[in-house]
Amino acid sequence: MAQKTFETSMKRLEEIVHDLEKGDLPLDESLKVFEEGMNLIKFCSKKLEEVEQKVTMLVKESDGKYAHQPFDMERNEED
């Protein structure tokens, strides 16, 4: 079995949404697919949190040097 990645999980989520929106699946199958989707959402959310923690920004300090600072989503949304 191939290793689960964010990209393959998102692709599968899109397929699940499409299948559920069509409404052709029997109730039991719909529930099974919905549960799979919820697990994929948890996986993708965890991956996004991990990446967000790793993201850093280069910030030019007053002395002209650059320093690494953690990415602050809230601060950058206000800019």
PDB file of N, CA and C in Angstrom:
ATOM      1  N   MET A   1       0.842  -1.188   0.000  1.00  0.00           N
ATOM      2  CA  MET A   1       0.000   0.000   0.000  1.00  0.00           C
ATOM      3  C   MET A   1       0.883   1.245   0.000  1.00  0.00           C
ATOM      4  N   ALA A   2       0.516   2.224  -0.796  1.00  0.00           N
ATOM      5  CA  ALA A   2       1.291   3.461  -0.892  1.00  0.00           C
ATOM      6  C   ALA A   2       1.138   4.277   0.384  1.00  0.00           C
ATOM      7  N   GLN A   3       2.188   5.035   0.703  1.00  0.00           N
ATOM      8  CA  GLN A   3       2.157   5.878   1.885  1.00  0.00           C
ATOM      9  C   GLN A   3       1.151   7.006   1.685  1.00  0.00           C
ATOM     10  N   LYS A   4       0.364   7.265   2.733  1.00  0.00           N
ATOM     11  CA  LYS A   4      -0.641   8.324   2.651  1.00  0.00           C
ATOM     12  C   LYS A   4       0.050   9.675   2.703  1.00  0.00           C
ATOM     13  N   THR A   5      -0.310  10.542   1.763  1.00  0.00           N
ATOM     14  CA  THR A   5       0.230  11.893   1.737  1.00  0.00           C
ATOM     15  C   THR A   5      -0.931  12.879   1.812  1.00  0.00           C
ATOM     16  N   PHE A   6      -0.598  14.123   2.076  1.00  0.00           N
ATOM     17  CA  PHE A   6      -1.603  15.172   2.120  1.00  0.00           C
ATOM     18  C   PHE A   6      -2.318  15.261   0.774  1.00  0.00           C
ATOM     19  N   GLU A   7      -1.539  15.233  -0.294  1.00  0.00           N
ATOM     20  CA  GLU A   7      -2.108  15.393  -1.637  1.00  0.00           C
ATOM     21  C   GLU A   7      -3.047  14.238  -2.007  1.00  0.00           C
ATOM     22  N   THR A   8      -2.621  13.006  -1.733  1.00  0.00           N
ATOM     23  CA  THR A   8      -3.493  11.869  -2.056  1.00  0.00           C
ATOM     24  C   THR A   8      -4.731  11.865  -1.159  1.00  0.00           C
ATOM     25  N   SER A   9      -4.581  12.310   0.072  1.00  0.00           N
ATOM     26  CA  SER A   9      -5.727  12.383   0.975  1.00  0.00           C
ATOM     27  C   SER A   9      -6.728  13.429   0.509  1.00  0.00           C
ATOM     28  N   MET A  10      -6.236  14.577   0.050  1.00  0.00           N
ATOM     29  CA  MET A  10      -7.131  15.616  -0.447  1.00  0.00           C
ATOM     30  C   MET A  10      -7.861  15.148  -1.716  1.00  0.00           C
ATOM     31  N   LYS A  11      -7.141  14.448  -2.576  1.00  0.00           N
ATOM     32  CA  LYS A  11      -7.761  13.922  -3.801  1.00  0.00           C
ATOM     33  C   LYS A  11      -8.869  12.936  -3.442  1.00  0.00           C
ATOM     34  N   ARG A  12      -8.595  12.073  -2.484  1.00  0.00           N
ATOM     35  CA  ARG A  12      -9.619  11.103  -2.056  1.00  0.00           C
ATOM     36  C   ARG A  12     -10.799  11.825  -1.410  1.00  0.00           C
ATOM     37  N   LEU A  13     -10.541  12.861  -0.634  1.00  0.00           N
ATOM     38  CA  LEU A  13     -11.625  13.643  -0.036  1.00  0.00           C
ATOM     39  C   LEU A  13     -12.524  14.247  -1.114  1.00  0.00           C
ATOM     40  N   GLU A  14     -11.927  14.762  -2.171  1.00  0.00           N
ATOM     41  CA  GLU A  14     -12.707  15.313  -3.276  1.00  0.00           C
ATOM     42  C   GLU A  14     -13.592  14.240  -3.910  1.00  0.00           C
ATOM     43  N   GLU A  15     -13.042  13.039  -4.056  1.00  0.00           N
ATOM     44  CA  GLU A  15     -13.822  11.932  -4.608  1.00  0.00           C
ATOM     45  C   GLU A  15     -14.990  11.579  -3.685  1.00  0.00           C
ATOM     46  N   ILE A  16     -14.722  11.553  -2.389  1.00  0.00           N
ATOM     47  CA  ILE A  16     -15.764  11.227  -1.416  1.00  0.00           C
ATOM     48  C   ILE A  16     -16.891  12.255  -1.469  1.00  0.00           C
ATOM     49  N   VAL A  17     -16.526  13.532  -1.488  1.00  0.00           N
ATOM     50  CA  VAL A  17     -17.540  14.591  -1.557  1.00  0.00           C
ATOM     51  C   VAL A  17     -18.375  14.421  -2.821  1.00  0.00           C
ATOM     52  N   HIS A  18     -17.715  14.176  -3.939  1.00  0.00           N
ATOM     53  CA  HIS A  18     -18.428  13.997  -5.204  1.00  0.00           C
ATOM     54  C   HIS A  18     -19.394  12.813  -5.104  1.00  0.00           C
ATOM     55  N   ASP A  19     -18.917  11.686  -4.576  1.00  0.00           N
ATOM     56  CA  ASP A  19     -19.763  10.486  -4.459  1.00  0.00           C
ATOM     57  C   ASP A  19     -20.962  10.738  -3.544  1.00  0.00           C
ATOM     58  N   LEU A  20     -20.728  11.416  -2.424  1.00  0.00           N
ATOM     59  CA  LEU A  20     -21.824  11.680  -1.493  1.00  0.00           C
ATOM     60  C   LEU A  20     -22.823  12.679  -2.077  1.00  0.00           C
ATOM     61  N   GLU A  21     -22.332  13.671  -2.814  1.00  0.00           N
ATOM     62  CA  GLU A  21     -23.223  14.663  -3.418  1.00  0.00           C
ATOM     63  C   GLU A  21     -24.114  14.055  -4.502  1.00  0.00           C
ATOM     64  N   LYS A  22     -23.604  13.040  -5.203  1.00  0.00           N
ATOM     65  CA  LYS A  22     -24.410  12.379  -6.228  1.00  0.00           C
ATOM     66  C   LYS A  22     -25.622  11.700  -5.605  1.00  0.00           C
ATOM     67  N   GLY A  23     -25.452  11.166  -4.402  1.00  0.00           N
ATOM     68  CA  GLY A  23     -26.566  10.526  -3.716  1.00  0.00           C
ATOM     69  C   GLY A  23     -26.910   9.141  -4.225  1.00  0.00           C
ATOM     70  N   ASP A  24     -26.009   8.508  -4.966  1.00  0.00           N
ATOM     71  CA  ASP A  24     -26.274   7.185  -5.528  1.00  0.00           C
ATOM     72  C   ASP A  24     -25.888   6.037  -4.594  1.00  0.00           C
ATOM     73  N   LEU A  25     -25.146   6.322  -3.533  1.00  0.00           N
ATOM     74  CA  LEU A  25     -24.661   5.263  -2.654  1.00  0.00           C
ATOM     75  C   LEU A  25     -25.748   4.821  -1.686  1.00  0.00           C
ATOM     76  N   PRO A  26     -25.787   3.517  -1.401  1.00  0.00           N
ATOM     77  CA  PRO A  26     -26.709   3.053  -0.352  1.00  0.00           C
ATOM     78  C   PRO A  26     -26.296   3.657   0.996  1.00  0.00           C
ATOM     79  N   LEU A  27     -27.225   3.687   1.926  1.00  0.00           N
ATOM     80  CA  LEU A  27     -26.985   4.322   3.220  1.00  0.00           C
ATOM     81  C   LEU A  27     -25.750   3.759   3.923  1.00  0.00           C
ATOM     82  N   ASP A  28     -25.612   2.447   3.980  1.00  0.00           N
ATOM     83  CA  ASP A  28     -24.455   1.837   4.664  1.00  0.00           C
ATOM     84  C   ASP A  28     -23.141   2.253   4.010  1.00  0.00           C
ATOM     85  N   GLU A  29     -23.128   2.280   2.687  1.00  0.00           N
ATOM     86  CA  GLU A  29     -21.914   2.682   1.964  1.00  0.00           C
ATOM     87  C   GLU A  29     -21.637   4.165   2.184  1.00  0.00           C
ATOM     88  N   SER A  30     -22.684   4.972   2.195  1.00  0.00           N
ATOM     89  CA  SER A  30     -22.520   6.408   2.450  1.00  0.00           C
ATOM     90  C   SER A  30     -21.886   6.638   3.810  1.00  0.00           C
ATOM     91  N   LEU A  31     -22.341   5.922   4.810  1.00  0.00           N
ATOM     92  CA  LEU A  31     -21.793   6.058   6.159  1.00  0.00           C
ATOM     93  C   LEU A  31     -20.326   5.638   6.193  1.00  0.00           C
ATOM     94  N   LYS A  32     -20.016   4.533   5.521  1.00  0.00           N
ATOM     95  CA  LYS A  32     -18.631   4.047   5.474  1.00  0.00           C
ATOM     96  C   LYS A  32     -17.722   5.082   4.804  1.00  0.00           C
ATOM     97  N   VAL A  33     -18.169   5.644   3.696  1.00  0.00           N
ATOM     98  CA  VAL A  33     -17.378   6.634   2.958  1.00  0.00           C
ATOM     99  C   VAL A  33     -17.254   7.922   3.778  1.00  0.00           C
ATOM    100  N   PHE A  34     -18.341   8.314   4.448  1.00  0.00           N
ATOM    101  CA  PHE A  34     -18.309   9.505   5.303  1.00  0.00           C
ATOM    102  C   PHE A  34     -17.278   9.347   6.418  1.00  0.00           C
ATOM    103  N   GLU A  35     -17.256   8.186   7.056  1.00  0.00           N
ATOM    104  CA  GLU A  35     -16.270   7.917   8.118  1.00  0.00           C
ATOM    105  C   GLU A  35     -14.849   7.980   7.560  1.00  0.00           C
ATOM    106  N   GLU A  36     -14.635   7.440   6.378  1.00  0.00           N
ATOM    107  CA  GLU A  36     -13.316   7.514   5.742  1.00  0.00           C
ATOM    108  C   GLU A  36     -12.939   8.978   5.528  1.00  0.00           C
ATOM    109  N   GLY A  37     -13.889   9.774   5.071  1.00  0.00           N
ATOM    110  CA  GLY A  37     -13.637  11.195   4.863  1.00  0.00           C
ATOM    111  C   GLY A  37     -13.272  11.910   6.148  1.00  0.00           C
ATOM    112  N   MET A  38     -13.959  11.598   7.226  1.00  0.00           N
ATOM    113  CA  MET A  38     -13.651  12.229   8.514  1.00  0.00           C
ATOM    114  C   MET A  38     -12.235  11.882   8.968  1.00  0.00           C
ATOM    115  N   ASN A  39     -11.822  10.643   8.749  1.00  0.00           N
ATOM    116  CA  ASN A  39     -10.453  10.245   9.101  1.00  0.00           C
ATOM    117  C   ASN A  39      -9.433  10.974   8.232  1.00  0.00           C
ATOM    118  N   LEU A  40      -9.754  11.163   6.970  1.00  0.00           N
ATOM    119  CA  LEU A  40      -8.854  11.898   6.080  1.00  0.00           C
ATOM    120  C   LEU A  40      -8.755  13.368   6.481  1.00  0.00           C
ATOM    121  N   ILE A  41      -9.875  13.945   6.919  1.00  0.00           N
ATOM    122  CA  ILE A  41      -9.860  15.337   7.388  1.00  0.00           C
ATOM    123  C   ILE A  41      -8.952  15.469   8.595  1.00  0.00           C
ATOM    124  N   LYS A  42      -9.038  14.536   9.523  1.00  0.00           N
ATOM    125  CA  LYS A  42      -8.159  14.564  10.707  1.00  0.00           C
ATOM    126  C   LYS A  42      -6.697  14.482  10.287  1.00  0.00           C
ATOM    127  N   PHE A  43      -6.399  13.573   9.349  1.00  0.00           N
ATOM    128  CA  PHE A  43      -5.030  13.411   8.870  1.00  0.00           C
ATOM    129  C   PHE A  43      -4.519  14.703   8.220  1.00  0.00           C
ATOM    130  N   CYS A  44      -5.336  15.291   7.337  1.00  0.00           N
ATOM    131  CA  CYS A  44      -4.929  16.509   6.638  1.00  0.00           C
ATOM    132  C   CYS A  44      -4.758  17.672   7.609  1.00  0.00           C
ATOM    133  N   SER A  45      -5.650  17.785   8.567  1.00  0.00           N
ATOM    134  CA  SER A  45      -5.539  18.855   9.566  1.00  0.00           C
ATOM    135  C   SER A  45      -4.249  18.722  10.365  1.00  0.00           C
ATOM    136  N   LYS A  46      -3.921  17.498  10.741  1.00  0.00           N
ATOM    137  CA  LYS A  46      -2.680  17.263  11.492  1.00  0.00           C
ATOM    138  C   LYS A  46      -1.466  17.651  10.645  1.00  0.00           C
ATOM    139  N   LYS A  47      -1.482  17.262   9.365  1.00  0.00           N
ATOM    140  CA  LYS A  47      -0.364  17.606   8.481  1.00  0.00           C
ATOM    141  C   LYS A  47      -0.231  19.117   8.336  1.00  0.00           C
ATOM    142  N   LEU A  48      -1.349  19.814   8.176  1.00  0.00           N
ATOM    143  CA  LEU A  48      -1.302  21.271   8.045  1.00  0.00           C
ATOM    144  C   LEU A  48      -0.759  21.922   9.312  1.00  0.00           C
ATOM    145  N   GLU A  49      -1.142  21.409  10.469  1.00  0.00           N
ATOM    146  CA  GLU A  49      -0.616  21.947  11.727  1.00  0.00           C
ATOM    147  C   GLU A  49       0.891  21.737  11.820  1.00  0.00           C
ATOM    148  N   GLU A  50       1.359  20.557  11.404  1.00  0.00           N
ATOM    149  CA  GLU A  50       2.793  20.279  11.424  1.00  0.00           C
ATOM    150  C   GLU A  50       3.551  21.245  10.514  1.00  0.00           C
ATOM    151  N   VAL A  51       3.019  21.474   9.340  1.00  0.00           N
ATOM    152  CA  VAL A  51       3.679  22.370   8.385  1.00  0.00           C
ATOM    153  C   VAL A  51       3.663  23.797   8.916  1.00  0.00           C
ATOM    154  N   GLU A  52       2.542  24.225   9.471  1.00  0.00           N
ATOM    155  CA  GLU A  52       2.444  25.580   9.999  1.00  0.00           C
ATOM    156  C   GLU A  52       3.497  25.825  11.079  1.00  0.00           C
ATOM    157  N   GLN A  53       3.758  24.808  11.892  1.00  0.00           N
ATOM    158  CA  GLN A  53       4.769  24.945  12.936  1.00  0.00           C
ATOM    159  C   GLN A  53       6.167  25.084  12.351  1.00  0.00           C
ATOM    160  N   LYS A  54       6.383  24.535  11.176  1.00  0.00           N
ATOM    161  CA  LYS A  54       7.710  24.583  10.555  1.00  0.00           C
ATOM    162  C   LYS A  54       7.953  25.855   9.744  1.00  0.00           C
ATOM    163  N   VAL A  55       6.866  26.506   9.370  1.00  0.00           N
ATOM    164  CA  VAL A  55       7.002  27.687   8.518  1.00  0.00           C
ATOM    165  C   VAL A  55       7.673  28.811   9.308  1.00  0.00           C
ATOM    166  N   THR A  56       8.655  29.399   8.714  1.00  0.00           N
ATOM    167  CA  THR A  56       9.298  30.558   9.319  1.00  0.00           C
ATOM    168  C   THR A  56       9.372  31.666   8.281  1.00  0.00           C
ATOM    169  N   MET A  57       9.490  32.861   8.796  1.00  0.00           N
ATOM    170  CA  MET A  57       9.618  34.012   7.903  1.00  0.00           C
ATOM    171  C   MET A  57      10.971  34.662   8.141  1.00  0.00           C
ATOM    172  N   LEU A  58      11.558  35.134   7.073  1.00  0.00           N
ATOM    173  CA  LEU A  58      12.764  35.932   7.209  1.00  0.00           C
ATOM    174  C   LEU A  58      12.335  37.362   7.455  1.00  0.00           C
ATOM    175  N   VAL A  59      12.822  37.919   8.547  1.00  0.00           N
ATOM    176  CA  VAL A  59      12.446  39.278   8.915  1.00  0.00           C
ATOM    177  C   VAL A  59      13.714  40.126   9.001  1.00  0.00           C
ATOM    178  N   LYS A  60      13.678  41.254   8.349  1.00  0.00           N
ATOM    179  CA  LYS A  60      14.810  42.161   8.389  1.00  0.00           C
ATOM    180  C   LYS A  60      14.711  42.982   9.670  1.00  0.00           C
ATOM    181  N   GLU A  61      15.747  42.881  10.469  1.00  0.00           N
ATOM    182  CA  GLU A  61      15.777  43.607  11.727  1.00  0.00           C
ATOM    183  C   GLU A  61      16.310  45.023  11.504  1.00  0.00           C
ATOM    184  N   SER A  62      16.215  45.856  12.540  1.00  0.00           N
ATOM    185  CA  SER A  62      16.609  47.257  12.424  1.00  0.00           C
ATOM    186  C   SER A  62      18.093  47.425  12.085  1.00  0.00           C
ATOM    187  N   ASP A  63      18.925  46.444  12.426  1.00  0.00           N
ATOM    188  CA  ASP A  63      20.346  46.545  12.122  1.00  0.00           C
ATOM    189  C   ASP A  63      20.675  46.070  10.704  1.00  0.00           C
ATOM    190  N   GLY A  64      19.640  45.733   9.921  1.00  0.00           N
ATOM    191  CA  GLY A  64      19.852  45.327   8.537  1.00  0.00           C
ATOM    192  C   GLY A  64      20.063  43.839   8.355  1.00  0.00           C
ATOM    193  N   LYS A  65      20.204  43.105   9.439  1.00  0.00           N
ATOM    194  CA  LYS A  65      20.398  41.661   9.348  1.00  0.00           C
ATOM    195  C   LYS A  65      19.038  40.966   9.290  1.00  0.00           C
ATOM    196  N   TYR A  66      19.077  39.762   8.771  1.00  0.00           N
ATOM    197  CA  TYR A  66      17.862  38.962   8.684  1.00  0.00           C
ATOM    198  C   TYR A  66      17.842  37.939   9.814  1.00  0.00           C
ATOM    199  N   ALA A  67      16.681  37.710  10.364  1.00  0.00           N
ATOM    200  CA  ALA A  67      16.528  36.729  11.430  1.00  0.00           C
ATOM    201  C   ALA A  67      15.319  35.862  11.127  1.00  0.00           C
ATOM    202  N   HIS A  68      15.381  34.627  11.561  1.00  0.00           N
ATOM    203  CA  HIS A  68      14.246  33.722  11.406  1.00  0.00           C
ATOM    204  C   HIS A  68      13.305  33.928  12.580  1.00  0.00           C
ATOM    205  N   GLN A  69      12.028  34.067  12.267  1.00  0.00           N
ATOM    206  CA  GLN A  69      11.017  34.172  13.311  1.00  0.00           C
ATOM    207  C   GLN A  69       9.891  33.222  12.966  1.00  0.00           C
ATOM    208  N   PRO A  70       9.257  32.653  13.979  1.00  0.00           N
ATOM    209  CA  PRO A  70       8.126  31.765  13.706  1.00  0.00           C
ATOM    210  C   PRO A  70       7.029  32.523  12.976  1.00  0.00           C
ATOM    211  N   PHE A  71       6.358  31.835  12.096  1.00  0.00           N
ATOM    212  CA  PHE A  71       5.255  32.423  11.352  1.00  0.00           C
ATOM    213  C   PHE A  71       4.090  32.648  12.295  1.00  0.00           C
ATOM    214  N   ASP A  72       3.553  33.849  12.321  1.00  0.00           N
ATOM    215  CA  ASP A  72       2.426  34.200  13.175  1.00  0.00           C
ATOM    216  C   ASP A  72       1.262  34.550  12.268  1.00  0.00           C
ATOM    217  N   MET A  73       0.345  33.589  12.097  1.00  0.00           N
ATOM    218  CA  MET A  73      -0.786  33.763  11.186  1.00  0.00           C
ATOM    219  C   MET A  73      -1.615  34.975  11.559  1.00  0.00           C
ATOM    220  N   GLU A  74      -1.921  35.158  12.831  1.00  0.00           N
ATOM    221  CA  GLU A  74      -2.775  36.256  13.268  1.00  0.00           C
ATOM    222  C   GLU A  74      -2.104  37.609  12.998  1.00  0.00           C
ATOM    223  N   ARG A  75      -0.817  37.713  13.261  1.00  0.00           N
ATOM    224  CA  ARG A  75      -0.113  38.968  13.029  1.00  0.00           C
ATOM    225  C   ARG A  75      -0.088  39.313  11.555  1.00  0.00           C
ATOM    226  N   ASN A  76       0.102  38.321  10.699  1.00  0.00           N
ATOM    227  CA  ASN A  76       0.179  38.572   9.262  1.00  0.00           C
ATOM    228  C   ASN A  76      -1.171  38.871   8.649  1.00  0.00           C
ATOM    229  N   GLU A  77      -2.248  38.402   9.241  1.00  0.00           N
ATOM    230  CA  GLU A  77      -3.573  38.719   8.727  1.00  0.00           C
ATOM    231  C   GLU A  77      -3.919  40.179   8.991  1.00  0.00           C
ATOM    232  N   GLU A  78      -3.347  40.755  10.041  1.00  0.00           N
ATOM    233  CA  GLU A  78      -3.612  42.135  10.387  1.00  0.00           C
ATOM    234  C   GLU A  78      -2.833  43.104   9.509  1.00  0.00           C
ATOM    235  N   ASP A  79      -1.703  42.652   8.932  1.00  0.00           N
ATOM    236  CA  ASP A  79      -0.849  43.529   8.099  1.00  0.00           C
ATOM    237  C   ASP A  79      -1.549  43.923   6.821  1.00  0.00           C
TER     238      ASP A  79
END
